[in-house]
C-alpha cells in the first residue's frame, strides 16, 4: 500500500481529523487493502499475539469491526492473518492459544471475516476454572479504582437482579485444571461483573473513568464466547475434589451460575460495555453493526452500552 493510502488516511478522509484515531493504528498489525476485491487483510505480528487482549496491540476484533464499519464502501471482507509463535515460550503459547480461540469464534460470528490460515487443533475437552474463595471487598480497593467501582456497582444494583456478583473466573485448561494444563493465560482471568435476571445472563466489562480503549469490545467478546460455550457444555467444569465446595460456599456466586450451567435455564445473553464514557468510535450504531450476526441471533447474544451510575 502506498504511503498516502494507509488505512489511517482512509479513516481520516471518512471521519475527519477530529474523529479519527489521534495516533497511528497499532504497530503490532500489518494492513493491506485490496481495492479490487474490497478486502482488508490484518496481519498480527508476534508482539500483538502476546499482548493483553484489551490492548490495541492485541484487540484485532475491535479494529476489524471499526475499520469494516467506518470504511464500509472500501472494505467488504476482512482477512485475519498472523505470524507463527514459538510454542516453546510458555507465556507466548498461552496468549497464542487464546488468540486461536478468539479468531475461530470471530470467523464463526461474521460471514465477512476470512482466515488466512487453518485454525490449529484445540484440545478435545476444554475446561474452565472456578473460584476457590471470595473476591476482594470494596474496602480492600483504593477508592475510585476499577476494583472499587466494580464492588460499588454490584452493591448498588443487587436489587435489580436475581444474582449479581463479580470476578468470575474464565481461565481455560486442557482436560483438567492444573498449573501444567493451561490452555490460555493465567488462572486470574475473570469477568468483571455478571448477573442473572429471570432467564437472562448479563456479562459486564467495566472500565474506570479515563480508560476508553477500543479493546473493551474484544475483551467482552472473549468472555461472552466462553460463557456461551459453558452454557452449551462445549467448555465444561471438571470435579477435581474442590468443585462441590465452590458450589456449596457459592464463592463469587459460582453456585448460582453452576445451577443454570446444569439446568440450561438461560435463554438470552446480554453483553454490556460499562463505563462513564467510551472511545469516540464506539456508539450505538456500531453496536447495532456488532449485533448483526446470524450466530449472535441464533445464540440470543446482544451487545449494549451502559453508563456507570
Protein backbone atom coordinates (compact mmCIF):
# COMPACT_ATOMS: atom_id res chain seq x y z
CA UNK A 1 0.00 0.00 0.00
CA UNK A 2 1.33 3.43 -0.91
CA UNK A 3 2.18 5.69 1.97
CA UNK A 4 -0.54 8.18 1.04
CA UNK A 5 -3.10 5.38 1.07
CA UNK A 6 -2.72 3.98 4.56
CA UNK A 7 -5.72 2.71 6.49
CA UNK A 8 -5.38 5.67 8.85
CA UNK A 9 -5.55 8.05 5.88
CA UNK A 10 -8.79 6.43 4.75
CA UNK A 11 -10.22 6.78 8.26
CA UNK A 12 -9.26 10.46 8.36
CA UNK A 13 -10.94 11.03 5.00
CA UNK A 14 -14.09 9.29 6.20
CA UNK A 15 -14.27 10.66 9.75
CA UNK A 16 -12.25 13.82 9.58
CA UNK A 17 -9.12 14.59 11.55
CA UNK A 18 -11.00 15.23 14.80
CA UNK A 19 -12.80 11.86 14.94
CA UNK A 20 -10.12 9.59 13.51
CA UNK A 21 -7.66 7.95 15.95
CA UNK A 22 -5.24 10.57 17.22
CA UNK A 23 -2.22 8.36 16.57
CA UNK A 24 -1.37 5.73 14.02
CA UNK A 25 -3.04 2.32 14.12
CA UNK A 26 -1.36 -0.37 16.26
CA UNK A 27 2.12 -1.20 15.03
CA UNK A 28 1.61 -4.84 16.01
CA UNK A 29 -0.50 -5.27 12.84
CA UNK A 30 0.23 -5.07 9.16
CA UNK A 31 -2.61 -3.74 7.00
CA UNK A 32 -3.28 -4.21 3.32
CA UNK A 33 -6.36 -3.14 1.37
CA UNK A 34 -7.12 -4.83 -1.93
CA UNK A 35 -9.34 -2.22 -3.61
CA UNK A 36 -10.37 -4.59 -6.38
CA UNK A 37 -11.61 -7.30 -4.00
CA UNK A 38 -12.59 -4.78 -1.33
CA UNK A 39 -10.70 -6.87 1.21
CA UNK A 40 -8.70 -5.66 4.17
CA UNK A 41 -6.01 -8.01 5.48
CA UNK A 42 -4.96 -7.53 9.11
CA UNK A 43 -1.84 -9.50 9.99
CA UNK A 44 -0.90 -9.80 13.66
CA UNK A 45 2.77 -9.78 14.50
CA UNK A 46 4.18 -11.79 17.38
CA UNK A 47 4.08 -8.75 19.68
CA UNK A 48 0.33 -8.49 19.19
CA UNK A 49 -0.24 -12.18 19.75
CA UNK A 50 1.44 -11.94 23.16
CA UNK A 51 -0.25 -8.73 24.30
CA UNK A 52 -3.20 -8.35 26.66
CA UNK A 53 -6.35 -8.83 24.60
CA UNK A 54 -7.84 -5.46 25.63
CA UNK A 55 -4.73 -3.59 24.44
CA UNK A 56 -4.68 -2.07 20.97
CA UNK A 57 -1.81 -4.39 20.07
CA UNK A 58 -4.00 -7.47 20.51
CA UNK A 59 -7.60 -6.30 20.06
CA UNK A 60 -7.88 -7.43 16.43
CA UNK A 61 -11.68 -7.95 16.67
CA UNK A 62 -12.16 -4.34 17.73
CA UNK A 63 -10.05 -2.96 14.88
CA UNK A 64 -11.57 -5.27 12.27
CA UNK A 65 -15.06 -4.16 13.32
CA UNK A 66 -14.13 -0.46 13.46
CA UNK A 67 -12.49 -0.49 10.03
CA UNK A 68 -15.23 -2.57 8.40
CA UNK A 69 -17.95 -0.34 9.88
CA UNK A 70 -16.43 3.06 9.15
CA UNK A 71 -14.90 2.12 5.77
CA UNK A 72 -17.81 0.03 4.51
CA UNK A 73 -17.56 1.47 0.97
CA UNK A 74 -13.94 0.39 0.78
CA UNK A 75 -13.99 -2.87 2.79
CA UNK A 76 -16.36 -5.76 2.13
CA UNK A 77 -14.38 -8.56 3.77
CA UNK A 78 -11.63 -8.66 6.40
CA UNK A 79 -8.97 -11.37 6.33
CA UNK A 80 -7.20 -12.13 9.61
CA UNK A 81 -3.64 -13.43 9.31
CA UNK A 82 -0.97 -13.98 11.94
CA UNK A 83 2.67 -14.82 12.45
CA UNK A 84 3.59 -18.16 13.93
CA UNK A 85 4.71 -18.09 17.53
CA UNK A 86 7.31 -20.28 19.17
CA UNK A 87 5.47 -22.93 21.18
CA UNK A 88 8.48 -23.33 23.46
CA UNK A 89 7.75 -19.96 25.09
CA UNK A 90 5.02 -20.82 27.60
CA UNK A 91 3.57 -17.36 28.14
CA UNK A 92 3.54 -16.74 24.42
CA UNK A 93 1.93 -20.11 23.83
CA UNK A 94 -0.94 -19.37 26.21
CA UNK A 95 -1.58 -15.96 24.62
CA UNK A 96 -1.47 -17.58 21.19
CA UNK A 97 -3.93 -20.29 22.26
CA UNK A 98 -6.33 -17.63 23.48
CA UNK A 99 -5.92 -15.83 20.16
CA UNK A 100 -6.76 -19.05 18.30
CA UNK A 101 -9.95 -19.47 20.32
CA UNK A 102 -10.85 -15.82 19.72
CA UNK A 103 -10.18 -15.80 15.99
CA UNK A 104 -12.11 -19.05 15.49
CA UNK A 105 -15.14 -17.54 17.24
CA UNK A 106 -14.77 -14.29 15.32
CA UNK A 107 -14.87 -16.11 11.98
CA UNK A 108 -17.89 -18.13 13.14
CA UNK A 109 -19.69 -14.94 14.13
CA UNK A 110 -19.33 -12.87 10.95
CA UNK A 111 -19.58 -14.02 7.34
CA UNK A 112 -17.38 -11.08 6.28
CA UNK A 113 -14.42 -12.42 8.32
CA UNK A 114 -11.96 -14.66 6.47
CA UNK A 115 -8.96 -16.52 7.87
CA UNK A 116 -5.65 -16.69 6.02
CA UNK A 117 -4.61 -19.88 7.80
CA UNK A 118 -6.22 -23.02 9.12
CA UNK A 119 -7.05 -22.99 12.83
CA UNK A 120 -4.65 -25.20 14.82
CA UNK A 121 -6.33 -28.05 16.62
CA UNK A 122 -7.62 -27.16 20.06
CA UNK A 123 -8.00 -29.59 22.97
CA UNK A 124 -10.80 -32.12 22.64
CA UNK A 125 -12.09 -31.12 26.06
CA UNK A 126 -11.65 -27.56 27.28
CA UNK A 127 -12.42 -26.97 30.94
CA UNK A 128 -12.87 -23.74 32.87
CA UNK A 129 -11.57 -22.96 36.33
CA UNK A 130 -13.81 -21.75 39.14
CA UNK A 131 -13.31 -19.65 42.27
CA UNK A 132 -11.76 -21.21 45.35
CA UNK A 133 -12.57 -18.19 47.50
CA UNK A 134 -14.34 -14.86 47.55
CA UNK A 135 -13.31 -11.74 45.63
CA UNK A 136 -11.78 -8.69 47.28
CA UNK A 137 -14.32 -6.48 49.04
CA UNK A 138 -14.86 -2.77 48.36
CA UNK A 139 -12.83 -1.66 51.39
CA UNK A 140 -9.84 -3.63 50.09
CA UNK A 141 -9.61 -1.47 46.98
CA UNK A 142 -8.33 2.06 46.51
CA UNK A 143 -11.30 4.43 46.29
CA UNK A 144 -12.01 5.23 42.66
CA UNK A 145 -10.07 2.25 41.30
CA UNK A 146 -11.68 -0.15 38.87
CA UNK A 147 -11.99 -2.78 41.60
CA UNK A 148 -13.68 -0.27 43.92
CA UNK A 149 -16.13 0.82 41.20
CA UNK A 150 -16.86 -2.83 40.46
CA UNK A 151 -17.75 -3.64 44.07
CA UNK A 152 -19.74 -0.44 44.41
CA UNK A 153 -21.74 -1.20 41.27
CA UNK A 154 -22.59 -4.74 42.42
CA UNK A 155 -23.81 -3.45 45.77
CA UNK A 156 -25.97 -0.71 44.23
CA UNK A 157 -27.50 -2.95 41.56
CA UNK A 158 -28.17 -6.12 43.56
CA UNK A 159 -31.88 -5.38 43.97
CA UNK A 160 -32.32 -5.33 40.17
CA UNK A 161 -31.14 -8.90 39.55
CA UNK A 162 -31.78 -12.37 40.89
CA UNK A 163 -27.99 -12.77 41.20
CA UNK A 164 -25.16 -10.30 40.67
CA UNK A 165 -21.51 -10.84 41.50
CA UNK A 166 -18.02 -10.11 40.26
CA UNK A 167 -14.62 -11.59 39.34
CA UNK A 168 -15.95 -14.74 37.63
CA UNK A 169 -13.01 -16.96 36.53
CA UNK A 170 -12.68 -17.79 32.83
CA UNK A 171 -9.28 -19.46 32.62
CA UNK A 172 -9.28 -22.30 30.09
CA UNK A 173 -7.41 -25.57 30.52
CA UNK A 174 -6.77 -28.78 28.62
CA UNK A 175 -8.99 -31.51 30.14
CA UNK A 176 -8.23 -30.66 33.76
CA UNK A 177 -7.30 -27.56 35.77
CA UNK A 178 -3.67 -27.55 36.88
CA UNK A 179 -0.52 -25.47 36.50
CA UNK A 180 0.62 -27.85 33.76
CA UNK A 181 -2.58 -27.84 31.68
CA UNK A 182 -3.09 -24.15 30.93
CA UNK A 183 -4.61 -23.55 27.53
CA UNK A 184 -4.96 -19.79 27.94
CA UNK A 185 -3.05 -17.38 30.14
CA UNK A 186 -3.18 -17.42 33.92
CA UNK A 187 -5.70 -18.57 36.49
CA UNK A 188 -6.67 -14.98 37.33
CA UNK A 189 -8.51 -14.18 34.10
CA UNK A 190 -12.00 -13.13 35.22
CA UNK A 191 -15.18 -11.35 34.14
CA UNK A 192 -15.59 -8.02 35.95
CA UNK A 193 -19.31 -8.30 36.75
CA UNK A 194 -22.02 -10.81 35.85
CA UNK A 195 -25.69 -11.14 36.73
CA UNK A 196 -28.78 -13.28 36.19
CA UNK A 197 -32.33 -11.97 35.86
CA UNK A 198 -35.08 -14.49 35.08
CA UNK A 199 -33.64 -16.49 32.15
CA UNK A 200 -31.12 -13.85 31.09
CA UNK A 201 -27.37 -13.75 31.73
CA UNK A 202 -25.64 -10.37 31.84
CA UNK A 203 -21.88 -10.03 31.38
CA UNK A 204 -20.36 -6.59 32.06
CA UNK A 205 -16.94 -5.35 31.04
CA UNK A 206 -16.13 -2.33 33.23
CA UNK A 207 -13.67 0.48 32.56
CA UNK A 208 -12.86 3.18 35.08
CA UNK A 209 -13.08 6.89 34.20
CA UNK A 210 -10.42 7.97 31.75
CA UNK A 211 -9.86 4.47 30.40
CA UNK A 212 -11.57 4.28 27.00
CA UNK A 213 -9.91 1.51 24.97
CA UNK A 214 -11.38 0.07 21.79
CA UNK A 215 -10.25 -3.26 23.21
CA UNK A 216 -13.27 -3.33 25.51
CA UNK A 217 -15.08 -4.92 22.53
CA UNK A 218 -12.51 -7.70 22.11
CA UNK A 219 -12.39 -8.43 25.82
CA UNK A 220 -16.16 -8.67 26.14
CA UNK A 221 -16.40 -10.87 23.04
CA UNK A 222 -13.99 -13.36 24.59
CA UNK A 223 -15.94 -13.50 27.85
CA UNK A 224 -19.27 -13.87 26.06
CA UNK A 225 -17.95 -16.70 23.92
CA UNK A 226 -16.61 -18.57 26.95
CA UNK A 227 -19.88 -18.17 28.85
CA UNK A 228 -21.93 -19.25 25.85
CA UNK A 229 -19.70 -22.32 25.38
CA UNK A 230 -20.06 -23.13 29.08
CA UNK A 231 -23.84 -22.96 28.88
CA UNK A 232 -23.73 -25.24 25.82
CA UNK A 233 -21.21 -27.52 27.62
CA UNK A 234 -18.69 -27.12 24.83
CA UNK A 235 -16.49 -25.94 27.68
CA UNK A 236 -17.00 -27.87 30.88
CA UNK A 237 -16.38 -27.86 34.59
CA UNK A 238 -14.46 -30.81 35.94
CA UNK A 239 -14.65 -32.01 39.53
CA UNK A 240 -11.13 -32.06 40.93
CA UNK A 241 -12.27 -32.59 44.51
CA UNK A 242 -12.94 -28.89 45.18
CA UNK A 243 -15.89 -28.25 42.88
CA UNK A 244 -18.52 -29.23 45.45
CA UNK A 245 -17.05 -26.81 48.00
CA UNK A 246 -17.08 -23.94 45.48
CA UNK A 247 -20.74 -24.67 44.77
CA UNK A 248 -21.76 -25.01 48.43
CA UNK A 249 -19.86 -21.91 49.54
CA UNK A 250 -21.18 -20.07 46.48
CA UNK A 251 -17.87 -18.28 46.03
CA UNK A 252 -18.49 -15.15 43.92
CA UNK A 253 -21.94 -16.54 43.10
CA UNK A 254 -20.47 -19.61 41.43
CA UNK A 255 -23.06 -21.94 42.94
CA UNK A 256 -25.82 -19.84 41.39
CA UNK A 257 -24.18 -19.96 37.99
CA UNK A 258 -23.47 -23.67 38.27
CA UNK A 259 -27.18 -24.29 38.77
CA UNK A 260 -28.02 -22.65 35.43
CA UNK A 261 -25.00 -24.34 33.82
CA UNK A 262 -26.52 -27.68 34.85
CA UNK A 263 -30.14 -26.84 34.11
CA UNK A 264 -29.77 -24.81 30.91
CA UNK A 265 -32.07 -22.10 32.27
CA UNK A 266 -30.54 -19.25 30.26
CA UNK A 267 -32.22 -18.10 27.04
CA UNK A 268 -30.56 -14.73 26.44
CA UNK A 269 -27.01 -13.44 26.94
CA UNK A 270 -26.51 -9.68 27.29
CA UNK A 271 -23.00 -8.33 26.75
CA UNK A 272 -22.71 -4.90 28.38
CA UNK A 273 -19.94 -2.35 27.88
CA UNK A 274 -19.92 -0.46 31.19
CA UNK A 275 -18.11 2.86 31.65
CA UNK A 276 -18.67 6.54 32.35
CA UNK A 277 -17.55 7.31 28.80
CA UNK A 278 -16.43 5.34 25.76
CA UNK A 279 -13.94 5.61 22.95
CA UNK A 280 -15.34 8.17 20.46
CA UNK A 281 -15.58 5.48 17.75
CA UNK A 282 -17.86 3.32 19.94
CA UNK A 283 -21.51 4.29 19.63
CA UNK A 284 -24.93 2.67 19.41
CA UNK A 285 -24.77 2.44 15.61
CA UNK A 286 -21.53 0.47 15.92
CA UNK A 287 -23.17 -1.87 18.44
CA UNK A 288 -26.04 -2.45 16.02
CA UNK A 289 -23.42 -3.48 13.47
CA UNK A 290 -21.78 -5.81 16.02
CA UNK A 291 -25.15 -7.40 16.75
CA UNK A 292 -25.80 -8.01 13.06
CA UNK A 293 -24.64 -11.61 13.19
CA UNK A 294 -26.52 -14.81 12.35
CA UNK A 295 -24.63 -16.59 15.13
CA UNK A 296 -25.48 -13.97 17.73
CA UNK A 297 -29.14 -14.07 16.72
CA UNK A 298 -29.18 -17.87 16.91
CA UNK A 299 -27.50 -17.83 20.34
CA UNK A 300 -29.59 -14.85 21.52
CA UNK A 301 -26.50 -12.76 22.23
CA UNK A 302 -26.58 -8.97 22.01
CA UNK A 303 -24.20 -6.14 22.88
CA UNK A 304 -25.18 -2.86 24.52
CA UNK A 305 -23.50 0.04 26.30
CA UNK A 306 -24.35 1.42 29.70
CA UNK A 307 -23.01 4.32 31.72
CA UNK A 308 -21.87 3.69 35.28
CA UNK A 309 -24.30 5.43 37.59
